[in-house]
C-alpha atoms as a PDB file:
ATOM      1  CA  MET A   1       0.035   0.074   0.157  1.00  0.00           C
ATOM      2  CA  ARG A   2       1.706   3.239  -1.179  1.00  0.00           C
ATOM      3  CA  ILE A   3       0.786   6.418   0.405  1.00  0.00           C
ATOM      4  CA  SER A   4       1.608   9.721  -1.644  1.00  0.00           C
ATOM      5  CA  GLU A   5       2.928  12.761  -0.029  1.00  0.00           C
ATOM      6  CA  ASN A   6      -0.356  14.423   0.628  1.00  0.00           C
ATOM      7  CA  GLY A   7      -1.447  11.222   2.845  1.00  0.00           C
ATOM      8  CA  ILE A   8      -3.730   9.792   0.028  1.00  0.00           C
ATOM      9  CA  ILE A   9      -3.430   6.153  -1.279  1.00  0.00           C
ATOM     10  CA  GLN A  10      -3.424   6.445  -4.916  1.00  0.00           C
ATOM     11  CA  ALA A  11      -5.087   3.968  -7.366  1.00  0.00           C
ATOM     12  CA  ALA A  12      -6.204   3.920 -10.835  1.00  0.00           C
ATOM     13  CA  GLY A  13      -8.382   1.358 -13.014  1.00  0.00           C
ATOM     14  CA  GLY A  14     -10.375   1.012 -16.176  1.00  0.00           C
ATOM     15  CA  ILE A  15     -14.023   0.541 -17.266  1.00  0.00           C
ATOM     16  CA  VAL A  16     -13.066  -1.923 -20.291  1.00  0.00           C
ATOM     17  CA  TRP A  17     -15.507  -2.574 -23.107  1.00  0.00           C
ATOM     18  CA  ARG A  18     -15.539  -5.093 -26.058  1.00  0.00           C
ATOM     19  CA  ASN A  19     -18.186  -5.692 -28.745  1.00  0.00           C
ATOM     20  CA  GLY A  20     -19.641  -9.248 -28.002  1.00  0.00           C
ATOM     21  CA  ALA A  21     -21.981 -11.436 -30.024  1.00  0.00           C
ATOM     22  CA  GLY A  22     -24.872  -9.789 -28.269  1.00  0.00           C
ATOM     23  CA  GLY A  23     -23.660  -6.330 -28.069  1.00  0.00           C
ATOM     24  CA  ARG A  24     -21.251  -4.216 -25.832  1.00  0.00           C
ATOM     25  CA  GLU A  25     -19.809  -6.226 -22.921  1.00  0.00           C
ATOM     26  CA  LEU A  26     -17.869  -4.953 -19.515  1.00  0.00           C
ATOM     27  CA  ALA A  27     -14.874  -6.750 -18.041  1.00  0.00           C
ATOM     28  CA  LEU A  28     -15.198  -7.591 -14.433  1.00  0.00           C
ATOM     29  CA  ILE A  29     -12.394  -9.677 -12.232  1.00  0.00           C
ATOM     30  CA  HIS A  30     -12.842 -11.816  -9.342  1.00  0.00           C
ATOM     31  CA  ARG A  31     -10.315 -11.152  -6.521  1.00  0.00           C
ATOM     32  CA  PRO A  32      -9.924 -14.324  -4.360  1.00  0.00           C
ATOM     33  CA  ARG A  33      -8.214 -12.081  -1.601  1.00  0.00           C
ATOM     34  CA  TYR A  34     -11.408 -10.101  -1.195  1.00  0.00           C
ATOM     35  CA  ASN A  35     -13.699 -12.607  -2.547  1.00  0.00           C
ATOM     36  CA  ASP A  36     -15.502  -9.529  -4.553  1.00  0.00           C
ATOM     37  CA  TRP A  37     -16.112  -8.823  -8.287  1.00  0.00           C
ATOM     38  CA  SER A  38     -14.769  -5.289  -9.429  1.00  0.00           C
ATOM     39  CA  LEU A  39     -13.458  -3.258 -12.100  1.00  0.00           C
ATOM     40  CA  PRO A  40      -9.734  -3.902 -12.572  1.00  0.00           C
ATOM     41  CA  LYS A  41      -7.574  -1.415 -10.671  1.00  0.00           C
ATOM     42  CA  GLY A  42      -4.504  -1.067  -8.836  1.00  0.00           C
ATOM     43  CA  HIS A  43      -1.967   1.165  -6.849  1.00  0.00           C
ATOM     44  CA  LEU A  44       0.064   3.765  -8.641  1.00  0.00           C
ATOM     45  CA  GLU A  45       3.965   2.935  -8.638  1.00  0.00           C
ATOM     46  CA  PRO A  46       6.561   5.649  -7.744  1.00  0.00           C
ATOM     47  CA  GLY A  47       6.930   8.161 -10.515  1.00  0.00           C
ATOM     48  CA  GLU A  48       3.969   6.746 -12.589  1.00  0.00           C
ATOM     49  CA  SER A  49       1.221   8.916 -14.137  1.00  0.00           C
ATOM     50  CA  TRP A  50      -2.591   7.951 -13.185  1.00  0.00           C
ATOM     51  CA  PRO A  51      -3.167   7.166 -16.869  1.00  0.00           C
ATOM     52  CA  ALA A  52      -0.162   4.968 -17.254  1.00  0.00           C
ATOM     53  CA  ALA A  53      -1.070   3.138 -13.826  1.00  0.00           C
ATOM     54  CA  ALA A  54      -4.616   2.342 -15.253  1.00  0.00           C
ATOM     55  CA  LEU A  55      -3.335   0.947 -18.464  1.00  0.00           C
ATOM     56  CA  ARG A  56      -0.706  -1.353 -16.589  1.00  0.00           C
ATOM     57  CA  GLU A  57      -3.040  -2.500 -13.910  1.00  0.00           C
ATOM     58  CA  VAL A  58      -5.792  -3.587 -16.422  1.00  0.00           C
ATOM     59  CA  THR A  59      -3.252  -5.297 -18.555  1.00  0.00           C
ATOM     60  CA  GLU A  60      -1.928  -7.095 -15.433  1.00  0.00           C
ATOM     61  CA  GLU A  61      -5.135  -8.093 -14.122  1.00  0.00           C
ATOM     62  CA  THR A  62      -7.120  -9.144 -17.355  1.00  0.00           C
ATOM     63  CA  GLY A  63      -4.101  -9.992 -19.789  1.00  0.00           C
ATOM     64  CA  CYS A  64      -5.850  -7.735 -22.453  1.00  0.00           C
ATOM     65  CA  GLN A  65      -4.456  -5.002 -24.494  1.00  0.00           C
ATOM     66  CA  VAL A  66      -6.412  -2.031 -24.313  1.00  0.00           C
ATOM     67  CA  GLN A  67      -6.926   1.590 -25.521  1.00  0.00           C
ATOM     68  CA  LEU A  68      -7.329   4.386 -23.343  1.00  0.00           C
ATOM     69  CA  GLY A  69     -10.414   6.476 -23.671  1.00  0.00           C
ATOM     70  CA  GLU A  70     -11.957   9.403 -21.784  1.00  0.00           C
ATOM     71  CA  PHE A  71     -11.411   9.871 -17.935  1.00  0.00           C
ATOM     72  CA  ALA A  72     -14.532   8.137 -16.293  1.00  0.00           C
ATOM     73  CA  GLY A  73     -14.785   9.500 -12.645  1.00  0.00           C
ATOM     74  CA  ALA A  74     -13.258   8.731  -9.222  1.00  0.00           C
ATOM     75  CA  VAL A  75     -14.295   6.663  -6.193  1.00  0.00           C
ATOM     76  CA  ASN A  76     -12.824   7.329  -2.816  1.00  0.00           C
ATOM     77  CA  TYR A  77     -13.109   5.622   0.431  1.00  0.00           C
ATOM     78  CA  LEU A  78     -11.203   5.019   3.793  1.00  0.00           C
ATOM     79  CA  VAL A  79      -8.732   2.080   4.143  1.00  0.00           C
ATOM     80  CA  GLN A  80      -7.665   1.657   7.822  1.00  0.00           C
ATOM     81  CA  GLY A  81      -8.622   5.098   8.271  1.00  0.00           C
ATOM     82  CA  ILE A  82      -6.410   6.487   5.200  1.00  0.00           C
ATOM     83  CA  PRO A  83      -8.286   7.998   2.328  1.00  0.00           C
ATOM     84  CA  LYS A  84      -7.895   6.234  -0.861  1.00  0.00           C
ATOM     85  CA  LEU A  85      -8.520   7.716  -4.534  1.00  0.00           C
ATOM     86  CA  VAL A  86      -9.174   5.545  -7.268  1.00  0.00           C
ATOM     87  CA  LEU A  87      -9.384   7.113 -10.815  1.00  0.00           C
ATOM     88  CA  PHE A  88     -11.002   5.441 -13.726  1.00  0.00           C
ATOM     89  CA  TRP A  89     -10.803   5.670 -17.518  1.00  0.00           C
ATOM     90  CA  GLN A  90     -13.035   4.445 -20.169  1.00  0.00           C
ATOM     91  CA  MET A  91     -11.030   1.600 -22.250  1.00  0.00           C
ATOM     92  CA  GLU A  92     -11.547  -0.157 -25.208  1.00  0.00           C
ATOM     93  CA  LEU A  93     -10.339  -3.815 -25.852  1.00  0.00           C
ATOM     94  CA  LEU A  94      -7.771  -4.323 -28.684  1.00  0.00           C
ATOM     95  CA  HIS A  95      -6.602  -7.754 -28.046  1.00  0.00           C
ATOM     96  CA  GLU A  96      -7.867 -10.626 -25.878  1.00  0.00           C
ATOM     97  CA  PRO A  97      -5.381 -13.440 -25.445  1.00  0.00           C
ATOM     98  CA  PRO A  98      -6.575 -16.590 -23.290  1.00  0.00           C
ATOM     99  CA  TYR A  99      -7.001 -15.387 -19.667  1.00  0.00           C
ATOM    100  CA  ARG A 100      -4.866 -16.571 -17.073  1.00  0.00           C
ATOM    101  CA  PRO A 101      -5.189 -16.329 -13.293  1.00  0.00           C
ATOM    102  CA  ASN A 102      -2.676 -13.967 -11.566  1.00  0.00           C
ATOM    103  CA  GLU A 103      -1.792 -12.757  -8.098  1.00  0.00           C
ATOM    104  CA  GLU A 104      -4.577 -10.263  -8.098  1.00  0.00           C
ATOM    105  CA  SER A 105      -7.534 -12.255  -9.997  1.00  0.00           C
ATOM    106  CA  ASP A 106      -8.713 -15.700 -10.551  1.00  0.00           C
ATOM    107  CA  ALA A 107     -11.443 -14.882 -12.871  1.00  0.00           C
ATOM    108  CA  LEU A 108     -12.359 -12.705 -15.930  1.00  0.00           C
ATOM    109  CA  VAL A 109     -16.048 -12.305 -17.059  1.00  0.00           C
ATOM    110  CA  TRP A 110     -17.418 -10.201 -19.962  1.00  0.00           C
ATOM    111  CA  LEU A 111     -21.004  -9.268 -19.204  1.00  0.00           C
ATOM    112  CA  PRO A 112     -23.696  -6.942 -20.703  1.00  0.00           C
ATOM    113  CA  LEU A 113     -24.263  -4.026 -18.531  1.00  0.00           C
ATOM    114  CA  ALA A 114     -27.532  -5.066 -17.066  1.00  0.00           C
ATOM    115  CA  GLU A 115     -25.689  -8.221 -15.744  1.00  0.00           C
ATOM    116  CA  ALA A 116     -22.398  -6.476 -14.863  1.00  0.00           C
ATOM    117  CA  TRP A 117     -24.336  -4.064 -12.741  1.00  0.00           C
ATOM    118  CA  PRO A 118     -25.875  -6.399 -10.071  1.00  0.00           C
ATOM    119  CA  ARG A 119     -22.569  -8.630 -10.245  1.00  0.00           C
ATOM    120  CA  LEU A 120     -20.254  -5.709  -9.145  1.00  0.00           C
ATOM    121  CA  THR A 121     -19.612  -5.899  -5.162  1.00  0.00           C
ATOM    122  CA  TYR A 122     -19.141  -2.193  -4.528  1.00  0.00           C
ATOM    123  CA  ALA A 123     -21.955   0.470  -5.161  1.00  0.00           C
ATOM    124  CA  ALA A 124     -19.333   2.964  -5.825  1.00  0.00           C
ATOM    125  CA  GLU A 125     -18.117   1.255  -8.818  1.00  0.00           C
ATOM    126  CA  ARG A 126     -21.737   0.641  -9.800  1.00  0.00           C
ATOM    127  CA  MET A 127     -22.240   4.458  -9.870  1.00  0.00           C
ATOM    128  CA  LEU A 128     -19.472   4.926 -12.282  1.00  0.00           C
ATOM    129  CA  LEU A 129     -21.421   3.152 -15.129  1.00  0.00           C
ATOM    130  CA  ASN A 130     -24.313   5.331 -14.845  1.00  0.00           C
ATOM    131  CA  ALA A 131     -26.783   2.321 -15.687  1.00  0.00           C
ATOM    132  CA  PRO A 132     -28.574   1.167 -17.408  1.00  0.00           C
ATOM    133  CA  LEU A 133     -27.015   1.918 -20.913  1.00  0.00           C
ATOM    134  CA  PRO A 134     -23.636   1.411 -21.894  1.00  0.00           C
ATOM    135  CA  PRO A 135     -21.283   4.684 -22.731  1.00  0.00           C
ATOM    136  CA  ARG A 136     -22.184   4.681 -26.415  1.00  0.00           C
ATOM    137  CA  ASP A 137     -25.963   4.677 -25.570  1.00  0.00           C
ATOM    138  CA  ARG A 138     -25.931   7.469 -23.065  1.00  0.00           C
ATOM    139  CA  HIS A 139     -25.282  11.039 -22.586  1.00  0.00           C
ATOM    140  CA  ILE A 140     -23.518  12.408 -19.562  1.00  0.00           C
ATOM    141  CA  ALA A 141     -24.531  16.032 -18.117  1.00  0.00           C
ATOM    142  CA  ALA A 142     -21.961  17.950 -16.368  1.00  0.00           C
ATOM    143  CA  ALA A 143     -21.023  21.531 -15.161  1.00  0.00           C
ATOM    144  CA  THR A 144     -17.891  23.520 -15.088  1.00  0.00           C
ATOM    145  CA  THR A 145     -17.680  26.824 -13.295  1.00  0.00           C
ATOM    146  CA  LEU A 146     -15.881  30.096 -13.420  1.00  0.00           C
ATOM    147  CA  ILE A 147     -15.832  31.174  -9.872  1.00  0.00           C
ATOM    148  CA  ARG A 148     -14.679  35.051  -9.208  1.00  0.00           C
ATOM    149  CA  ASN A 149     -13.534  36.650  -5.819  1.00  0.00           C
ATOM    150  CA  ALA A 150     -13.861  40.230  -4.962  1.00  0.00           C
ATOM    151  CA  ALA A 151     -10.476  41.026  -6.501  1.00  0.00           C
ATOM    152  CA  GLY A 152     -11.535  39.453  -9.884  1.00  0.00           C
ATOM    153  CA  HIS A 153      -9.430  36.347  -9.239  1.00  0.00           C
ATOM    154  CA  ILE A 154     -10.443  32.877 -10.634  1.00  0.00           C
ATOM    155  CA  LEU A 155     -10.619  29.790  -8.884  1.00  0.00           C
ATOM    156  CA  LEU A 156      -8.623  26.844 -10.017  1.00  0.00           C
ATOM    157  CA  ILE A 157      -8.309  23.491  -8.613  1.00  0.00           C
ATOM    158  CA  ASN A 158      -5.275  20.877  -9.224  1.00  0.00           C
ATOM    159  CA  SER A 159      -6.908  17.450 -10.074  1.00  0.00           C
ATOM    160  CA  PRO A 160      -4.784  14.427  -9.857  1.00  0.00           C
ATOM    161  CA  ALA A 161      -6.236  13.356 -12.943  1.00  0.00           C
ATOM    162  CA  ARG A 162      -5.980  16.569 -15.363  1.00  0.00           C
ATOM    163  CA  GLY A 163      -3.829  19.176 -13.559  1.00  0.00           C
ATOM    164  CA  TRP A 164      -4.991  22.475 -12.998  1.00  0.00           C
ATOM    165  CA  GLU A 165      -8.523  23.234 -14.157  1.00  0.00           C
ATOM    166  CA  LEU A 166     -11.918  24.837 -13.106  1.00  0.00           C
ATOM    167  CA  PRO A 167     -14.188  23.437 -10.610  1.00  0.00           C
ATOM    168  CA  GLY A 168     -17.055  21.150 -11.859  1.00  0.00           C
ATOM    169  CA  GLY A 169     -18.164  17.548 -12.364  1.00  0.00           C
ATOM    170  CA  ILE A 170     -21.153  15.394 -13.318  1.00  0.00           C
ATOM    171  CA  ILE A 171     -24.654  16.207 -12.617  1.00  0.00           C
ATOM    172  CA  GLU A 172     -26.167  13.381 -10.348  1.00  0.00           C
ATOM    173  CA  ALA A 173     -29.596  11.801 -10.713  1.00  0.00           C
ATOM    174  CA  GLY A 174     -32.197  14.263  -9.272  1.00  0.00           C
ATOM    175  CA  GLU A 175     -30.341  17.185  -9.473  1.00  0.00           C
ATOM    176  CA  ASP A 176     -30.782  20.247 -11.591  1.00  0.00           C
ATOM    177  CA  LEU A 177     -27.881  22.096 -13.201  1.00  0.00           C
ATOM    178  CA  HIS A 178     -27.306  24.776 -10.464  1.00  0.00           C
ATOM    179  CA  GLN A 179     -27.584  22.054  -7.473  1.00  0.00           C
ATOM    180  CA  GLY A 180     -25.073  19.765  -9.112  1.00  0.00           C
ATOM    181  CA  ALA A 181     -22.717  22.424 -10.065  1.00  0.00           C
ATOM    182  CA  ALA A 182     -22.950  24.007  -6.461  1.00  0.00           C
ATOM    183  CA  ARG A 183     -22.572  20.248  -4.895  1.00  0.00           C
ATOM    184  CA  GLU A 184     -19.386  19.813  -7.157  1.00  0.00           C
ATOM    185  CA  LEU A 185     -17.928  23.228  -6.072  1.00  0.00           C
ATOM    186  CA  TRP A 186     -18.556  22.436  -2.363  1.00  0.00           C
ATOM    187  CA  GLU A 187     -16.967  18.970  -2.503  1.00  0.00           C
ATOM    188  CA  GLU A 188     -13.795  20.058  -4.440  1.00  0.00           C
ATOM    189  CA  THR A 189     -13.222  23.472  -2.807  1.00  0.00           C
ATOM    190  CA  GLY A 190     -15.132  24.130   0.550  1.00  0.00           C
ATOM    191  CA  ILE A 191     -16.672  27.013  -0.686  1.00  0.00           C
ATOM    192  CA  ARG A 192     -20.027  28.435  -1.879  1.00  0.00           C
ATOM    193  CA  ALA A 193     -20.964  30.806  -4.625  1.00  0.00           C
ATOM    194  CA  ASP A 194     -23.683  32.580  -6.362  1.00  0.00           C
ATOM    195  CA  LEU A 195     -24.063  30.716  -9.642  1.00  0.00           C
ATOM    196  CA  HIS A 196     -25.882  33.420 -11.876  1.00  0.00           C
ATOM    197  CA  THR A 197     -24.989  32.988 -15.378  1.00  0.00           C
ATOM    198  CA  LEU A 198     -24.937  30.365 -18.331  1.00  0.00           C
ATOM    199  CA  ALA A 199     -22.046  31.232 -20.572  1.00  0.00           C
ATOM    200  CA  PHE A 200     -21.784  28.138 -22.729  1.00  0.00           C
ATOM    201  CA  VAL A 201     -22.754  24.668 -23.533  1.00  0.00           C
ATOM    202  CA  ASN A 202     -20.120  22.083 -24.938  1.00  0.00           C
ATOM    203  CA  SER A 203     -20.622  18.956 -26.490  1.00  0.00           C
ATOM    204  CA  SER A 204     -18.363  16.003 -26.319  1.00  0.00           C
ATOM    205  CA  ILE A 205     -19.237  13.617 -29.118  1.00  0.00           C
ATOM    206  CA  SER A 206     -16.736  10.732 -28.376  1.00  0.00           C
ATOM    207  CA  SER A 207     -18.244   7.909 -26.577  1.00  0.00           C
ATOM    208  CA  PRO A 208     -19.455   8.457 -23.910  1.00  0.00           C
ATOM    209  CA  SER A 209     -20.853  11.448 -25.128  1.00  0.00           C
ATOM    210  CA  LYS A 210     -21.373  14.582 -22.904  1.00  0.00           C
ATOM    211  CA  PHE A 211     -22.857  17.999 -22.558  1.00  0.00           C
ATOM    212  CA  ILE A 212     -20.873  20.369 -20.276  1.00  0.00           C
ATOM    213  CA  PHE A 213     -22.524  23.608 -19.192  1.00  0.00           C
ATOM    214  CA  GLY A 214     -20.400  26.649 -18.410  1.00  0.00           C
ATOM    215  CA  LEU A 215     -21.730  28.574 -15.285  1.00  0.00           C
ATOM    216  CA  ILE A 216     -20.340  31.892 -13.925  1.00  0.00           C
ATOM    217  CA  GLY A 217     -20.556  32.682 -10.192  1.00  0.00           C
ATOM    218  CA  ASP A 218     -19.380  34.927  -7.469  1.00  0.00           C
ATOM    219  CA  TYR A 219     -17.701  33.652  -4.289  1.00  0.00           C
ATOM    220  CA  ARG A 220     -20.111  33.859  -1.312  1.00  0.00           C
ATOM    221  CA  GLU A 221     -18.535  32.190   1.917  1.00  0.00           C
ATOM    222  CA  GLY A 222     -16.311  29.288   3.027  1.00  0.00           C
ATOM    223  CA  THR A 223     -12.357  28.304   3.212  1.00  0.00           C
ATOM    224  CA  LEU A 224     -10.599  26.845   0.655  1.00  0.00           C
ATOM    225  CA  THR A 225     -10.334  23.297   1.427  1.00  0.00           C
ATOM    226  CA  PRO A 226      -8.398  20.536  -0.703  1.00  0.00           C
ATOM    227  CA  SER A 227     -10.192  17.197  -1.281  1.00  0.00           C
ATOM    228  CA  PRO A 228      -9.209  13.766  -2.972  1.00  0.00           C
ATOM    229  CA  GLU A 229     -10.393  15.451  -6.127  1.00  0.00           C
ATOM    230  CA  SER A 230      -8.471  18.670  -5.676  1.00  0.00           C
ATOM    231  CA  THR A 231      -5.054  18.254  -4.071  1.00  0.00           C
ATOM    232  CA  ASP A 232      -4.274  22.031  -4.257  1.00  0.00           C
ATOM    233  CA  LEU A 233      -6.562  25.326  -4.848  1.00  0.00           C
ATOM    234  CA  ALA A 234      -5.717  28.921  -5.999  1.00  0.00           C
ATOM    235  CA  TRP A 235      -7.078  32.111  -6.619  1.00  0.00           C
ATOM    236  CA  VAL A 236      -5.133  33.379  -9.929  1.00  0.00           C
ATOM    237  CA  THR A 237      -5.530  36.108 -12.539  1.00  0.00           C
ATOM    238  CA  PRO A 238      -6.904  35.209 -15.927  1.00  0.00           C
ATOM    239  CA  ASP A 239      -3.209  35.246 -17.277  1.00  0.00           C
ATOM    240  CA  GLU A 240      -1.891  32.922 -14.491  1.00  0.00           C
ATOM    241  CA  ALA A 241      -4.842  30.458 -15.192  1.00  0.00           C
ATOM    242  CA  ARG A 242      -3.808  30.222 -18.697  1.00  0.00           C
ATOM    243  CA  GLN A 243      -0.233  29.413 -17.871  1.00  0.00           C
ATOM    244  CA  ARG A 244      -1.365  26.705 -15.246  1.00  0.00           C
ATOM    245  CA  ILE A 245      -3.751  24.980 -17.378  1.00  0.00           C
ATOM    246  CA  SER A 246      -2.068  22.317 -19.518  1.00  0.00           C
ATOM    247  CA  SER A 247      -5.288  20.661 -20.668  1.00  0.00           C
ATOM    248  CA  PRO A 248      -6.511  22.032 -24.169  1.00  0.00           C
ATOM    249  CA  ILE A 249     -10.090  21.434 -23.426  1.00  0.00           C
ATOM    250  CA  VAL A 250     -10.032  23.380 -20.135  1.00  0.00           C
ATOM    251  CA  LEU A 251      -8.014  26.148 -21.836  1.00  0.00           C
ATOM    252  CA  ASP A 252     -10.798  26.599 -24.519  1.00  0.00           C
ATOM    253  CA  ARG A 253     -13.399  26.510 -21.893  1.00  0.00           C
ATOM    254  CA  LEU A 254     -11.702  29.389 -19.952  1.00  0.00           C
ATOM    255  CA  GLY A 255     -11.456  31.316 -23.228  1.00  0.00           C
ATOM    256  CA  GLN A 256     -15.078  30.704 -23.748  1.00  0.00           C
ATOM    257  CA  PHE A 257     -15.815  32.162 -20.223  1.00  0.00           C
ATOM    258  CA  LEU A 258     -13.619  35.063 -20.575  1.00  0.00           C
ATOM    259  CA  ALA A 259     -15.148  35.819 -24.040  1.00  0.00           C
ATOM    260  CA  TYR A 260     -18.659  35.609 -22.817  1.00  0.00           C
ATOM    261  CA  ARG A 261     -20.615  38.838 -23.508  1.00  0.00           C
ATOM    262  CA  GLY A 262     -24.021  38.029 -22.941  1.00  0.00           C
ATOM    263  CA  ARG A 263     -24.844  35.574 -25.433  1.00  0.00           C
ATOM    264  CA  VAL A 264     -24.752  31.582 -24.716  1.00  0.00           C
ATOM    265  CA  THR A 265     -22.372  29.848 -27.327  1.00  0.00           C
ATOM    266  CA  HIS A 266     -22.234  26.030 -28.095  1.00  0.00           C
ATOM    267  CA  THR A 267     -19.086  24.158 -29.133  1.00  0.00           C
ATOM    268  CA  THR A 268     -19.220  20.495 -30.318  1.00  0.00           C
ATOM    269  CA  TYR A 269     -15.610  18.914 -29.905  1.00  0.00           C
ATOM    270  CA  HIS A 270     -13.776  15.347 -29.900  1.00  0.00           C
ATOM    271  CA  PRO A 271     -11.806  15.321 -26.653  1.00  0.00           C
ATOM    272  CA  ASN A 272      -8.910  12.928 -27.761  1.00  0.00           C
ATOM    273  CA  PRO A 273      -7.249  14.430 -29.515  1.00  0.00           C
ATOM    274  CA  PHE A 274      -8.975  17.830 -28.749  1.00  0.00           C
ATOM    275  CA  GLN A 275     -10.680  18.783 -32.074  1.00  0.00           C
ATOM    276  CA  ILE A 276     -13.342  21.500 -32.379  1.00  0.00           C
ATOM    277  CA  VAL A 277     -16.066  20.189 -34.802  1.00  0.00           C
ATOM    278  CA  ARG A 278     -18.388  23.234 -34.562  1.00  0.00           C
ATOM    279  CA  HIS A 279     -18.639  26.356 -32.754  1.00  0.00           C
ATOM    280  CA  ILE A 280     -21.989  28.489 -32.873  1.00  0.00           C
ATOM    281  CA  ALA A 281     -21.878  32.099 -31.258  1.00  0.00           C
END
């Protein structure tokens, strides 16, 4: 069990899909040590990136060669009182040799999502799947926020998965847009804001397809508090934000926020590699 400098156990894994005879199927492994059915995952090694660890662990536990897709989400829980953060990526099967039991798993099964859902032992992993439909047949709703303080500075979070970015996340079932955005902001930063303006809508058209709503807000209350999803937080100027952000997708969203002049815009894009398909002002 490796604990990072910030006191968090770091792990990564994959939601692995293949095209079976009856449609899309999901890979689950059985771990004899825990007698559970789970998504393939494991701890980061020293100096290893999160995506690299996810690919390595999936290969070690399933024997399969896979292609890394879009970031799928995070699961966090306590292990002997120590917080553990597991980041997952969507993956597609490239090559499947005969399965061989290994130190981590003694069985591999491929199941339609409707059967994989109840087989999974842990509710947190079931939530990542956003049942009942597989990624290519569903649309995810998410929010990203531009929060300013009284000095006009912008709030950034440092995500283990993507580096410096704007706060935000997936809207959960039963939430409206503002409720979901406010919850994500609170969970990631420990502050509350008055979210008042819809600046843009982005559409990611690679599987799983996603609609991202950009909301502008003003800081209201609270103290910046890191979380497993945001290991560092900072109020920065727009120029400093551009320098810190490395993701081209997040940089484009920042540009859309800063260019907002009272008219909601819509951008359609492919995420990997980032490519704008259409922009409607």
